[in-house]
Amino acid sequence: MVLSPSLLGDEIGSSPKTKYQLDNLFGEINVAFDFSVSIDELAETCANTVFKVQSRSVNSPTVEHYLRDIDEEAFIVYSGQPGEIVSGEILTASKAQWLHAHGGLLPHYRGSTCCYYSMLALGGIGVSVIQLSNILDSGKLMESGFVKIERLPSLFEMDFVLDNFARASMLLKVLTGFSPITFEPFTLTGPSRMYYVAHPYIRLAATSQKLGCL
């Protein structure tokens, strides 16, 4: 899992946090995070070869050029800018399989910030790993699961820790068969819904943050 320290702040986004202990959200599982580790450092530690591509969009010709050299047996794990749809040309530039971890139980929770809506409705969050397609949150479902949240998270935990850790754990489960979180199967009925960026009042209602802090 990669989180950029430059994007992290405390509860309302003032001074950056460098270390964080995630306690009692997943029952007995406690996880420590060190946000002082940069993306570059993490990439160098985890990979034999690192390519840095300067581009404002995943759909640029520069990105397409690099993708053509990726082995067809590899996996491309995509986590990009919110709302940006990967084009068909980019998805077919390499024969490798594209994977994406969506923060919601598909097909019922599509769109943005689904973790807030499911916290209110279900008392937990869902994650779905899909084969990425050029239609938003509509690729072939690889695996999905639900995790009950034991206490109300803070805004910081929800935005920068909880959702990301759950997504990374489900990706790890798909790729290796192991997950630090025990995901439960969860069956939803009814039509699929598209959710949009959660209003501040929805964010507050789903977390332990007090209204007066906004």
N, C-alpha and C. Protein backbone atom coordinates (compact mmCIF):
# COMPACT_ATOMS: atom_id res chain seq x y z
N MET A 1 0.85 -1.19 0.00
CA MET A 1 0.00 0.00 0.00
C MET A 1 0.88 1.24 0.00
N VAL A 2 0.56 2.20 -0.84
CA VAL A 2 1.33 3.44 -0.93
C VAL A 2 0.45 4.62 -0.56
N LEU A 3 0.90 5.37 0.43
CA LEU A 3 0.22 6.61 0.81
C LEU A 3 1.25 7.72 0.76
N SER A 4 0.89 8.85 0.16
CA SER A 4 1.82 9.95 0.03
C SER A 4 1.81 10.82 1.28
N PRO A 5 2.95 10.97 1.97
CA PRO A 5 2.99 11.82 3.17
C PRO A 5 2.57 13.26 2.90
N SER A 6 2.77 13.74 1.67
CA SER A 6 2.41 15.12 1.36
C SER A 6 0.91 15.35 1.40
N LEU A 7 0.12 14.26 1.36
CA LEU A 7 -1.33 14.39 1.38
C LEU A 7 -1.93 14.19 2.76
N LEU A 8 -1.08 13.88 3.74
CA LEU A 8 -1.60 13.50 5.03
C LEU A 8 -1.56 14.64 6.03
N GLY A 9 -2.64 14.77 6.78
CA GLY A 9 -2.68 15.74 7.87
C GLY A 9 -3.35 15.10 9.05
N ASP A 10 -3.56 15.87 10.13
CA ASP A 10 -4.27 15.26 11.26
C ASP A 10 -5.77 15.35 10.99
N GLU A 11 -6.60 15.39 12.03
CA GLU A 11 -8.04 15.22 11.85
C GLU A 11 -8.65 16.13 10.78
N ILE A 12 -8.25 17.38 10.74
CA ILE A 12 -8.86 18.29 9.78
C ILE A 12 -7.84 18.76 8.75
N GLY A 13 -6.63 18.20 8.79
CA GLY A 13 -5.67 18.48 7.74
C GLY A 13 -4.68 19.57 8.05
N SER A 14 -4.29 19.72 9.32
CA SER A 14 -3.29 20.75 9.62
C SER A 14 -1.89 20.14 9.54
N SER A 15 -1.25 19.86 10.68
CA SER A 15 0.12 19.34 10.64
C SER A 15 0.13 17.87 10.22
N PRO A 16 1.13 17.46 9.39
CA PRO A 16 1.16 16.08 8.89
C PRO A 16 1.52 15.08 9.98
N LYS A 17 0.92 13.90 9.90
CA LYS A 17 1.28 12.80 10.77
C LYS A 17 2.36 11.99 10.07
N THR A 18 3.34 11.48 10.81
CA THR A 18 4.35 10.61 10.22
C THR A 18 4.15 9.16 10.63
N LYS A 19 3.63 8.92 11.84
CA LYS A 19 3.40 7.55 12.29
C LYS A 19 1.99 7.46 12.87
N TYR A 20 1.39 6.30 12.66
CA TYR A 20 0.01 6.14 13.12
C TYR A 20 -0.24 4.71 13.52
N GLN A 21 -0.91 4.52 14.64
CA GLN A 21 -1.27 3.20 15.13
C GLN A 21 -2.78 3.01 14.93
N LEU A 22 -3.15 2.02 14.14
CA LEU A 22 -4.55 1.74 13.86
C LEU A 22 -5.03 0.69 14.86
N ASP A 23 -5.73 1.13 15.91
CA ASP A 23 -6.12 0.25 17.00
C ASP A 23 -7.62 0.02 17.02
N ASN A 24 -8.00 -1.23 17.25
CA ASN A 24 -9.37 -1.60 17.62
C ASN A 24 -10.43 -1.24 16.57
N LEU A 25 -10.02 -1.14 15.32
CA LEU A 25 -11.01 -0.94 14.26
C LEU A 25 -11.43 -2.26 13.65
N PHE A 26 -10.48 -3.21 13.60
CA PHE A 26 -10.76 -4.54 13.04
C PHE A 26 -10.71 -5.60 14.15
N GLY A 27 -11.31 -5.32 15.27
CA GLY A 27 -11.27 -6.28 16.37
C GLY A 27 -9.90 -6.30 17.02
N GLU A 28 -9.25 -7.47 17.02
CA GLU A 28 -7.97 -7.62 17.71
C GLU A 28 -6.78 -7.22 16.84
N ILE A 29 -7.00 -6.88 15.59
CA ILE A 29 -5.91 -6.53 14.69
C ILE A 29 -5.51 -5.08 14.89
N ASN A 30 -4.24 -4.86 15.25
CA ASN A 30 -3.69 -3.51 15.39
C ASN A 30 -2.55 -3.35 14.39
N VAL A 31 -2.54 -2.27 13.65
CA VAL A 31 -1.57 -2.08 12.58
C VAL A 31 -0.89 -0.73 12.76
N ALA A 32 0.43 -0.71 12.58
CA ALA A 32 1.20 0.53 12.66
C ALA A 32 1.59 0.98 11.26
N PHE A 33 1.47 2.27 10.99
CA PHE A 33 1.84 2.84 9.70
C PHE A 33 2.92 3.89 9.91
N ASP A 34 3.87 3.96 8.98
CA ASP A 34 4.90 4.98 9.01
C ASP A 34 4.78 5.80 7.73
N PHE A 35 4.14 6.96 7.84
CA PHE A 35 3.91 7.80 6.67
C PHE A 35 5.14 8.62 6.28
N SER A 36 6.21 8.51 7.05
CA SER A 36 7.41 9.25 6.68
C SER A 36 8.14 8.57 5.52
N VAL A 37 7.78 7.33 5.21
CA VAL A 37 8.38 6.62 4.08
C VAL A 37 7.76 7.14 2.78
N SER A 38 8.57 7.66 1.90
CA SER A 38 8.06 8.23 0.65
C SER A 38 7.67 7.14 -0.34
N ILE A 39 6.91 7.51 -1.35
CA ILE A 39 6.54 6.57 -2.41
C ILE A 39 7.79 6.05 -3.11
N ASP A 40 8.76 6.92 -3.36
CA ASP A 40 9.99 6.50 -4.03
C ASP A 40 10.73 5.45 -3.19
N GLU A 41 10.84 5.69 -1.90
CA GLU A 41 11.54 4.75 -1.02
C GLU A 41 10.84 3.41 -0.98
N LEU A 42 9.52 3.44 -0.89
CA LEU A 42 8.75 2.21 -0.84
C LEU A 42 8.88 1.42 -2.13
N ALA A 43 8.84 2.11 -3.26
CA ALA A 43 8.96 1.45 -4.55
C ALA A 43 10.33 0.80 -4.71
N GLU A 44 11.38 1.49 -4.29
CA GLU A 44 12.73 0.95 -4.40
C GLU A 44 12.90 -0.29 -3.52
N THR A 45 12.19 -0.32 -2.40
CA THR A 45 12.28 -1.46 -1.48
C THR A 45 11.54 -2.67 -2.02
N CYS A 46 10.42 -2.44 -2.68
CA CYS A 46 9.53 -3.54 -3.08
C CYS A 46 9.76 -4.06 -4.49
N ALA A 47 10.47 -3.32 -5.32
CA ALA A 47 10.58 -3.71 -6.73
C ALA A 47 12.04 -3.74 -7.17
N ASN A 48 12.33 -4.63 -8.13
CA ASN A 48 13.67 -4.71 -8.69
C ASN A 48 13.93 -3.56 -9.66
N THR A 49 12.90 -3.16 -10.37
CA THR A 49 13.04 -2.08 -11.36
C THR A 49 11.90 -1.08 -11.17
N VAL A 50 12.23 0.19 -11.14
CA VAL A 50 11.23 1.24 -10.97
C VAL A 50 11.33 2.22 -12.13
N PHE A 51 10.21 2.44 -12.82
CA PHE A 51 10.14 3.44 -13.87
C PHE A 51 9.30 4.61 -13.38
N LYS A 52 9.81 5.81 -13.56
CA LYS A 52 9.07 7.01 -13.21
C LYS A 52 8.62 7.70 -14.50
N VAL A 53 7.31 7.82 -14.66
CA VAL A 53 6.75 8.39 -15.87
C VAL A 53 6.12 9.74 -15.53
N GLN A 54 6.58 10.79 -16.18
CA GLN A 54 6.04 12.12 -15.96
C GLN A 54 4.81 12.31 -16.85
N SER A 55 3.64 12.29 -16.24
CA SER A 55 2.41 12.45 -17.00
C SER A 55 1.30 12.92 -16.08
N ARG A 56 0.42 13.76 -16.61
CA ARG A 56 -0.72 14.24 -15.83
C ARG A 56 -1.92 13.31 -15.97
N SER A 57 -1.83 12.33 -16.86
CA SER A 57 -2.96 11.43 -17.09
C SER A 57 -2.45 10.04 -17.42
N VAL A 58 -3.17 9.03 -16.94
CA VAL A 58 -2.83 7.65 -17.28
C VAL A 58 -3.06 7.38 -18.76
N ASN A 59 -3.85 8.21 -19.41
CA ASN A 59 -4.21 7.99 -20.82
C ASN A 59 -3.27 8.68 -21.80
N SER A 60 -2.11 9.07 -21.35
CA SER A 60 -1.18 9.77 -22.23
C SER A 60 -0.36 8.79 -23.08
N PRO A 61 0.14 9.23 -24.23
CA PRO A 61 1.00 8.39 -25.07
C PRO A 61 2.27 7.94 -24.34
N THR A 62 2.77 8.75 -23.42
CA THR A 62 3.96 8.38 -22.66
C THR A 62 3.71 7.14 -21.82
N VAL A 63 2.57 7.10 -21.15
CA VAL A 63 2.22 5.93 -20.35
C VAL A 63 2.03 4.72 -21.25
N GLU A 64 1.37 4.91 -22.36
CA GLU A 64 1.13 3.81 -23.30
C GLU A 64 2.45 3.21 -23.78
N HIS A 65 3.44 4.06 -24.02
CA HIS A 65 4.76 3.58 -24.47
C HIS A 65 5.38 2.64 -23.45
N TYR A 66 5.34 2.98 -22.18
CA TYR A 66 5.93 2.13 -21.15
C TYR A 66 5.14 0.84 -20.95
N LEU A 67 3.84 0.91 -21.10
CA LEU A 67 3.01 -0.27 -20.88
C LEU A 67 3.29 -1.37 -21.90
N ARG A 68 3.72 -1.01 -23.10
CA ARG A 68 3.94 -2.00 -24.16
C ARG A 68 5.07 -2.97 -23.81
N ASP A 69 5.93 -2.60 -22.87
CA ASP A 69 7.05 -3.46 -22.51
C ASP A 69 6.76 -4.35 -21.30
N ILE A 70 5.55 -4.27 -20.74
CA ILE A 70 5.22 -5.07 -19.56
C ILE A 70 4.87 -6.49 -19.97
N ASP A 71 5.44 -7.45 -19.27
CA ASP A 71 5.23 -8.87 -19.55
C ASP A 71 3.75 -9.24 -19.42
N GLU A 72 3.26 -10.10 -20.29
CA GLU A 72 1.85 -10.47 -20.28
C GLU A 72 1.46 -11.28 -19.05
N GLU A 73 2.43 -11.87 -18.34
CA GLU A 73 2.13 -12.63 -17.13
C GLU A 73 2.08 -11.75 -15.89
N ALA A 74 2.35 -10.48 -16.05
CA ALA A 74 2.36 -9.56 -14.92
C ALA A 74 0.95 -9.07 -14.61
N PHE A 75 0.82 -8.46 -13.43
CA PHE A 75 -0.41 -7.78 -13.05
C PHE A 75 -0.13 -6.28 -12.98
N ILE A 76 -1.02 -5.49 -13.51
CA ILE A 76 -0.95 -4.04 -13.35
C ILE A 76 -1.99 -3.66 -12.32
N VAL A 77 -1.54 -3.23 -11.14
CA VAL A 77 -2.45 -2.82 -10.08
C VAL A 77 -2.63 -1.31 -10.19
N TYR A 78 -3.83 -0.90 -10.51
CA TYR A 78 -4.08 0.51 -10.81
C TYR A 78 -4.77 1.22 -9.66
N SER A 79 -4.18 2.33 -9.23
CA SER A 79 -4.79 3.23 -8.27
C SER A 79 -4.49 4.65 -8.74
N GLY A 80 -5.44 5.26 -9.42
CA GLY A 80 -5.16 6.52 -10.07
C GLY A 80 -5.96 7.68 -9.51
N GLN A 81 -6.02 8.74 -10.29
CA GLN A 81 -6.74 9.93 -9.88
C GLN A 81 -8.24 9.62 -9.79
N PRO A 82 -8.91 10.13 -8.75
CA PRO A 82 -10.35 9.88 -8.61
C PRO A 82 -11.13 10.34 -9.83
N GLY A 83 -11.99 9.45 -10.32
CA GLY A 83 -12.86 9.80 -11.42
C GLY A 83 -12.26 9.66 -12.80
N GLU A 84 -10.95 9.38 -12.91
CA GLU A 84 -10.35 9.25 -14.23
C GLU A 84 -10.57 7.83 -14.77
N ILE A 85 -11.15 7.73 -15.94
CA ILE A 85 -11.42 6.44 -16.56
C ILE A 85 -10.24 6.06 -17.45
N VAL A 86 -9.72 4.85 -17.27
CA VAL A 86 -8.62 4.37 -18.11
C VAL A 86 -9.19 3.99 -19.47
N SER A 87 -8.61 4.53 -20.52
CA SER A 87 -9.13 4.33 -21.86
C SER A 87 -8.88 2.90 -22.35
N GLY A 88 -9.66 2.49 -23.35
CA GLY A 88 -9.47 1.18 -23.94
C GLY A 88 -8.11 1.02 -24.57
N GLU A 89 -7.57 2.10 -25.15
CA GLU A 89 -6.25 2.04 -25.77
C GLU A 89 -5.17 1.74 -24.74
N ILE A 90 -5.28 2.33 -23.57
CA ILE A 90 -4.29 2.09 -22.52
C ILE A 90 -4.45 0.68 -21.95
N LEU A 91 -5.69 0.24 -21.76
CA LEU A 91 -5.93 -1.09 -21.19
C LEU A 91 -5.42 -2.20 -22.09
N THR A 92 -5.38 -1.95 -23.40
CA THR A 92 -4.92 -2.98 -24.33
C THR A 92 -3.49 -2.75 -24.80
N ALA A 93 -2.83 -1.73 -24.26
CA ALA A 93 -1.43 -1.48 -24.65
C ALA A 93 -0.51 -2.60 -24.20
N SER A 94 -0.87 -3.27 -23.13
CA SER A 94 -0.13 -4.42 -22.63
C SER A 94 -1.08 -5.60 -22.49
N LYS A 95 -0.56 -6.81 -22.62
CA LYS A 95 -1.38 -8.00 -22.44
C LYS A 95 -1.50 -8.39 -20.97
N ALA A 96 -0.84 -7.62 -20.11
CA ALA A 96 -0.94 -7.89 -18.67
C ALA A 96 -2.35 -7.62 -18.17
N GLN A 97 -2.70 -8.26 -17.07
CA GLN A 97 -4.04 -8.12 -16.51
C GLN A 97 -4.08 -6.93 -15.55
N TRP A 98 -5.04 -6.05 -15.76
CA TRP A 98 -5.22 -4.87 -14.91
C TRP A 98 -6.11 -5.22 -13.72
N LEU A 99 -5.67 -4.87 -12.52
CA LEU A 99 -6.47 -5.08 -11.32
C LEU A 99 -6.70 -3.74 -10.63
N HIS A 100 -7.87 -3.62 -10.03
CA HIS A 100 -8.20 -2.41 -9.27
C HIS A 100 -9.00 -2.81 -8.04
N ALA A 101 -8.64 -2.26 -6.89
CA ALA A 101 -9.39 -2.50 -5.65
C ALA A 101 -10.33 -1.33 -5.42
N HIS A 102 -11.61 -1.59 -5.51
CA HIS A 102 -12.64 -0.57 -5.32
C HIS A 102 -13.14 -0.60 -3.88
N GLY A 103 -13.30 0.57 -3.28
CA GLY A 103 -13.72 0.64 -1.88
C GLY A 103 -15.23 0.53 -1.71
N GLY A 104 -15.80 -0.56 -2.16
CA GLY A 104 -17.24 -0.77 -2.02
C GLY A 104 -17.62 -2.16 -2.51
N LEU A 105 -18.77 -2.65 -2.08
CA LEU A 105 -19.27 -3.95 -2.52
C LEU A 105 -19.96 -3.79 -3.88
N LEU A 106 -19.30 -4.26 -4.91
CA LEU A 106 -19.85 -4.18 -6.26
C LEU A 106 -20.80 -5.34 -6.52
N PRO A 107 -21.85 -5.11 -7.30
CA PRO A 107 -22.14 -3.90 -8.09
C PRO A 107 -22.99 -2.87 -7.36
N HIS A 108 -23.29 -3.08 -6.09
CA HIS A 108 -24.26 -2.23 -5.39
C HIS A 108 -23.68 -0.89 -4.95
N TYR A 109 -22.38 -0.87 -4.62
CA TYR A 109 -21.74 0.37 -4.19
C TYR A 109 -20.72 0.77 -5.25
N ARG A 110 -21.15 1.55 -6.24
CA ARG A 110 -20.29 2.05 -7.30
C ARG A 110 -20.05 3.54 -7.07
N GLY A 111 -18.92 4.04 -7.61
CA GLY A 111 -18.68 5.47 -7.53
C GLY A 111 -17.65 5.85 -6.47
N SER A 112 -17.86 7.00 -5.85
CA SER A 112 -16.86 7.62 -4.98
C SER A 112 -17.23 7.53 -3.49
N THR A 113 -16.20 7.47 -2.66
CA THR A 113 -16.31 7.50 -1.18
C THR A 113 -17.40 6.56 -0.67
N CYS A 114 -17.47 5.36 -1.25
CA CYS A 114 -18.50 4.39 -0.85
C CYS A 114 -18.35 3.95 0.61
N CYS A 115 -17.13 4.06 1.15
CA CYS A 115 -16.91 3.61 2.52
C CYS A 115 -17.79 4.39 3.51
N TYR A 116 -18.03 5.67 3.25
CA TYR A 116 -18.88 6.46 4.15
C TYR A 116 -20.33 6.00 4.10
N TYR A 117 -20.81 5.72 2.91
CA TYR A 117 -22.20 5.28 2.77
C TYR A 117 -22.42 3.90 3.38
N SER A 118 -21.46 2.99 3.20
CA SER A 118 -21.63 1.65 3.77
C SER A 118 -21.45 1.66 5.29
N MET A 119 -20.62 2.58 5.80
CA MET A 119 -20.51 2.70 7.26
C MET A 119 -21.86 3.06 7.87
N LEU A 120 -22.57 3.97 7.22
CA LEU A 120 -23.88 4.39 7.72
C LEU A 120 -24.93 3.29 7.57
N ALA A 121 -24.90 2.61 6.45
CA ALA A 121 -25.95 1.63 6.16
C ALA A 121 -25.67 0.25 6.74
N LEU A 122 -24.38 -0.14 6.80
CA LEU A 122 -24.04 -1.52 7.15
C LEU A 122 -23.14 -1.65 8.37
N GLY A 123 -22.58 -0.54 8.85
CA GLY A 123 -21.68 -0.61 9.99
C GLY A 123 -20.31 -1.13 9.66
N GLY A 124 -19.90 -1.03 8.41
CA GLY A 124 -18.58 -1.50 8.00
C GLY A 124 -18.32 -1.09 6.57
N ILE A 125 -17.23 -1.60 6.01
CA ILE A 125 -16.87 -1.23 4.64
C ILE A 125 -16.64 -2.48 3.81
N GLY A 126 -16.87 -2.34 2.52
CA GLY A 126 -16.64 -3.43 1.59
C GLY A 126 -15.53 -3.09 0.62
N VAL A 127 -14.91 -4.13 0.06
CA VAL A 127 -13.87 -3.96 -0.95
C VAL A 127 -14.12 -4.98 -2.06
N SER A 128 -13.96 -4.55 -3.29
CA SER A 128 -14.09 -5.44 -4.45
C SER A 128 -12.88 -5.28 -5.34
N VAL A 129 -12.22 -6.38 -5.66
CA VAL A 129 -11.13 -6.36 -6.63
C VAL A 129 -11.69 -6.79 -7.98
N ILE A 130 -11.48 -5.95 -8.98
CA ILE A 130 -12.02 -6.21 -10.31
C ILE A 130 -10.91 -6.16 -11.36
N GLN A 131 -11.19 -6.80 -12.50
CA GLN A 131 -10.36 -6.59 -13.67
C GLN A 131 -10.80 -5.26 -14.28
N LEU A 132 -9.88 -4.34 -14.32
CA LEU A 132 -10.24 -2.98 -14.71
C LEU A 132 -10.76 -2.93 -16.14
N SER A 133 -11.82 -2.14 -16.33
CA SER A 133 -12.35 -1.90 -17.67
C SER A 133 -12.50 -0.40 -17.87
N ASN A 134 -12.89 0.01 -19.06
CA ASN A 134 -13.06 1.44 -19.33
C ASN A 134 -14.47 1.92 -19.01
N ILE A 135 -15.22 1.14 -18.24
CA ILE A 135 -16.52 1.57 -17.70
C ILE A 135 -16.39 1.58 -16.18
N LEU A 136 -16.74 2.68 -15.56
CA LEU A 136 -16.49 2.89 -14.14
C LEU A 136 -17.04 1.76 -13.27
N ASP A 137 -16.15 1.11 -12.50
CA ASP A 137 -16.51 0.09 -11.51
C ASP A 137 -17.36 -1.03 -12.10
N SER A 138 -17.05 -1.43 -13.33
CA SER A 138 -17.87 -2.42 -14.01
C SER A 138 -17.06 -3.59 -14.57
N GLY A 139 -15.82 -3.73 -14.18
CA GLY A 139 -15.00 -4.83 -14.68
C GLY A 139 -15.39 -6.16 -14.03
N LYS A 140 -14.82 -7.24 -14.54
CA LYS A 140 -15.10 -8.57 -14.01
C LYS A 140 -14.69 -8.64 -12.55
N LEU A 141 -15.59 -9.12 -11.69
CA LEU A 141 -15.33 -9.20 -10.26
C LEU A 141 -14.43 -10.39 -9.95
N MET A 142 -13.29 -10.12 -9.32
CA MET A 142 -12.36 -11.18 -8.92
C MET A 142 -12.70 -11.71 -7.52
N GLU A 143 -12.89 -10.77 -6.60
CA GLU A 143 -13.25 -11.15 -5.23
C GLU A 143 -13.73 -9.91 -4.49
N SER A 144 -14.65 -10.13 -3.56
CA SER A 144 -15.13 -9.03 -2.74
C SER A 144 -15.36 -9.53 -1.33
N GLY A 145 -15.43 -8.61 -0.39
CA GLY A 145 -15.66 -8.98 1.00
C GLY A 145 -16.02 -7.76 1.83
N PHE A 146 -16.51 -8.04 3.01
CA PHE A 146 -16.99 -7.00 3.91
C PHE A 146 -16.28 -7.15 5.25
N VAL A 147 -15.97 -6.04 5.88
CA VAL A 147 -15.37 -6.08 7.21
C VAL A 147 -16.14 -5.14 8.14
N LYS A 148 -16.55 -5.67 9.26
CA LYS A 148 -17.26 -4.88 10.26
C LYS A 148 -16.27 -4.00 11.00
N ILE A 149 -16.62 -2.74 11.21
CA ILE A 149 -15.76 -1.81 11.92
C ILE A 149 -16.23 -1.74 13.38
N GLU A 150 -15.30 -2.00 14.30
CA GLU A 150 -15.66 -2.18 15.71
C GLU A 150 -15.95 -0.88 16.44
N ARG A 151 -15.42 0.23 15.95
CA ARG A 151 -15.69 1.53 16.58
C ARG A 151 -15.75 2.58 15.50
N LEU A 152 -16.32 3.75 15.82
CA LEU A 152 -16.38 4.82 14.84
C LEU A 152 -14.97 5.35 14.55
N PRO A 153 -14.56 5.36 13.29
CA PRO A 153 -13.25 5.90 12.95
C PRO A 153 -13.28 7.42 12.92
N SER A 154 -12.11 8.02 13.00
CA SER A 154 -12.01 9.46 12.81
C SER A 154 -11.98 9.75 11.31
N LEU A 155 -12.10 11.02 10.94
CA LEU A 155 -12.00 11.40 9.54
C LEU A 155 -10.64 11.02 8.97
N PHE A 156 -9.60 11.26 9.73
CA PHE A 156 -8.25 10.90 9.28
C PHE A 156 -8.15 9.40 9.03
N GLU A 157 -8.65 8.59 9.96
CA GLU A 157 -8.60 7.14 9.79
C GLU A 157 -9.38 6.69 8.56
N MET A 158 -10.54 7.27 8.35
CA MET A 158 -11.36 6.86 7.22
C MET A 158 -10.71 7.24 5.89
N ASP A 159 -10.23 8.47 5.78
CA ASP A 159 -9.72 8.98 4.51
C ASP A 159 -8.35 8.42 4.15
N PHE A 160 -7.47 8.26 5.14
CA PHE A 160 -6.08 7.97 4.82
C PHE A 160 -5.59 6.60 5.29
N VAL A 161 -6.33 5.93 6.15
CA VAL A 161 -5.84 4.67 6.70
C VAL A 161 -6.80 3.52 6.44
N LEU A 162 -8.01 3.62 6.94
CA LEU A 162 -8.95 2.51 6.96
C LEU A 162 -9.29 2.00 5.56
N ASP A 163 -9.77 2.87 4.69
CA ASP A 163 -10.16 2.47 3.35
C ASP A 163 -8.97 1.93 2.57
N ASN A 164 -7.82 2.59 2.67
CA ASN A 164 -6.63 2.16 1.96
C ASN A 164 -6.13 0.80 2.45
N PHE A 165 -6.14 0.60 3.77
CA PHE A 165 -5.66 -0.66 4.33
C PHE A 165 -6.57 -1.81 3.92
N ALA A 166 -7.88 -1.58 3.91
CA ALA A 166 -8.82 -2.62 3.49
C ALA A 166 -8.61 -2.97 2.01
N ARG A 167 -8.43 -1.97 1.17
CA ARG A 167 -8.20 -2.23 -0.26
C ARG A 167 -6.90 -3.01 -0.47
N ALA A 168 -5.84 -2.57 0.20
CA ALA A 168 -4.55 -3.26 0.06
C ALA A 168 -4.64 -4.70 0.55
N SER A 169 -5.39 -4.92 1.62
CA SER A 169 -5.53 -6.28 2.16
C SER A 169 -6.26 -7.19 1.19
N MET A 170 -7.32 -6.69 0.55
CA MET A 170 -8.05 -7.50 -0.42
C MET A 170 -7.20 -7.79 -1.65
N LEU A 171 -6.42 -6.81 -2.11
CA LEU A 171 -5.50 -7.04 -3.21
C LEU A 171 -4.49 -8.12 -2.86
N LEU A 172 -3.96 -8.05 -1.65
CA LEU A 172 -3.00 -9.05 -1.19
C LEU A 172 -3.64 -10.44 -1.18
N LYS A 173 -4.90 -10.50 -0.78
CA LYS A 173 -5.61 -11.78 -0.76
C LYS A 173 -5.76 -12.35 -2.16
N VAL A 174 -6.10 -11.50 -3.13
CA VAL A 174 -6.27 -11.96 -4.50
C VAL A 174 -4.95 -12.44 -5.10
N LEU A 175 -3.88 -11.72 -4.81
CA LEU A 175 -2.58 -12.02 -5.42
C LEU A 175 -1.82 -13.13 -4.73
N THR A 176 -2.01 -13.27 -3.41
CA THR A 176 -1.20 -14.24 -2.65
C THR A 176 -2.02 -15.25 -1.86
N GLY A 177 -3.31 -14.97 -1.66
CA GLY A 177 -4.13 -15.85 -0.83
C GLY A 177 -4.11 -15.48 0.63
N PHE A 178 -3.32 -14.45 1.00
CA PHE A 178 -3.21 -14.02 2.40
C PHE A 178 -3.79 -12.63 2.57
N SER A 179 -4.46 -12.40 3.71
CA SER A 179 -4.94 -11.07 4.05
C SER A 179 -4.81 -10.87 5.56
N PRO A 180 -4.30 -9.71 5.99
CA PRO A 180 -4.25 -9.43 7.44
C PRO A 180 -5.63 -9.19 8.04
N ILE A 181 -6.63 -8.96 7.19
CA ILE A 181 -8.00 -8.75 7.64
C ILE A 181 -8.84 -9.96 7.26
N THR A 182 -9.75 -10.36 8.13
CA THR A 182 -10.70 -11.41 7.79
C THR A 182 -11.93 -10.78 7.16
N PHE A 183 -12.07 -10.97 5.86
CA PHE A 183 -13.24 -10.44 5.14
C PHE A 183 -14.37 -11.46 5.19
N GLU A 184 -15.57 -10.96 5.40
CA GLU A 184 -16.75 -11.82 5.43
C GLU A 184 -17.53 -11.65 4.12
N PRO A 185 -18.11 -12.74 3.62
CA PRO A 185 -18.99 -12.60 2.46
C PRO A 185 -20.23 -11.80 2.85
N PHE A 186 -20.71 -10.99 1.96
CA PHE A 186 -21.86 -10.15 2.26
C PHE A 186 -22.72 -10.04 1.01
N THR A 187 -23.96 -10.50 1.11
CA THR A 187 -24.86 -10.49 -0.03
C THR A 187 -25.83 -9.33 0.06
N LEU A 188 -25.87 -8.53 -0.97
CA LEU A 188 -26.80 -7.41 -1.06
C LEU A 188 -27.81 -7.68 -2.16
N THR A 189 -29.00 -7.20 -1.95
CA THR A 189 -30.04 -7.33 -2.98
C THR A 189 -30.47 -5.94 -3.44
N GLY A 190 -31.19 -5.91 -4.54
CA GLY A 190 -31.65 -4.64 -5.05
C GLY A 190 -30.78 -4.13 -6.17
N PRO A 191 -31.11 -2.97 -6.72
CA PRO A 191 -30.39 -2.43 -7.87
C PRO A 191 -29.02 -1.87 -7.50
N SER A 192 -28.16 -1.79 -8.50
CA SER A 192 -26.86 -1.15 -8.35
C SER A 192 -27.06 0.35 -8.21
N ARG A 193 -26.22 0.99 -7.38
CA ARG A 193 -26.31 2.43 -7.19
C ARG A 193 -24.96 3.09 -7.44
N MET A 194 -25.04 4.32 -7.98
CA MET A 194 -23.85 5.13 -8.15
C MET A 194 -23.79 6.16 -7.03
N TYR A 195 -22.67 6.18 -6.30
CA TYR A 195 -22.51 7.13 -5.20
C TYR A 195 -21.50 8.20 -5.61
N TYR A 196 -21.70 9.40 -5.05
CA TYR A 196 -20.85 10.53 -5.38
C TYR A 196 -20.12 11.01 -4.12
N VAL A 197 -19.14 11.88 -4.31
CA VAL A 197 -18.30 12.33 -3.20
C VAL A 197 -19.16 12.73 -2.01
N ALA A 198 -18.89 12.11 -0.87
CA ALA A 198 -19.74 12.28 0.30
C ALA A 198 -19.73 13.72 0.80
N HIS A 199 -20.92 14.24 1.06
CA HIS A 199 -21.08 15.57 1.63
C HIS A 199 -20.45 15.59 3.03
N PRO A 200 -19.90 16.73 3.48
CA PRO A 200 -19.31 16.79 4.81
C PRO A 200 -20.20 16.27 5.93
N TYR A 201 -21.50 16.47 5.85
CA TYR A 201 -22.40 15.99 6.90
C TYR A 201 -22.48 14.45 6.89
N ILE A 202 -22.40 13.84 5.72
CA ILE A 202 -22.36 12.38 5.64
C ILE A 202 -21.05 11.88 6.23
N ARG A 203 -19.97 12.55 5.93
CA ARG A 203 -18.66 12.18 6.48
C ARG A 203 -18.66 12.25 8.01
N LEU A 204 -19.27 13.29 8.54
CA LEU A 204 -19.33 13.44 9.99
C LEU A 204 -20.21 12.37 10.62
N ALA A 205 -21.35 12.10 10.00
CA ALA A 205 -22.27 11.11 10.56
C ALA A 205 -21.67 9.72 10.60
N ALA A 206 -20.75 9.42 9.68
CA ALA A 206 -20.16 8.09 9.61
C ALA A 206 -18.91 7.95 10.45
N THR A 207 -18.45 9.04 11.08
CA THR A 207 -17.21 9.01 11.84
C THR A 207 -17.44 9.60 13.23
N SER A 208 -16.37 9.62 14.00
CA SER A 208 -16.43 10.15 15.37
C SER A 208 -16.13 11.64 15.42
N GLN A 209 -15.94 12.28 14.25
CA GLN A 209 -15.61 13.69 14.22
C GLN A 209 -16.81 14.54 14.67
N LYS A 210 -16.55 15.57 15.44
CA LYS A 210 -17.63 16.44 15.91
C LYS A 210 -17.91 17.53 14.90
N LEU A 211 -19.16 17.91 14.82
CA LEU A 211 -19.60 18.91 13.84
C LEU A 211 -18.85 20.22 14.01
N GLY A 212 -18.56 20.61 15.23
CA GLY A 212 -17.92 21.89 15.48
C GLY A 212 -16.51 21.99 14.98
N CYS A 213 -15.90 20.84 14.54
CA CYS A 213 -14.54 20.86 14.08
C CYS A 213 -14.41 21.28 12.63
N LEU A 214 -15.51 21.36 11.90
CA LEU A 214 -15.42 21.78 10.51
C LEU A 214 -15.25 23.30 10.41
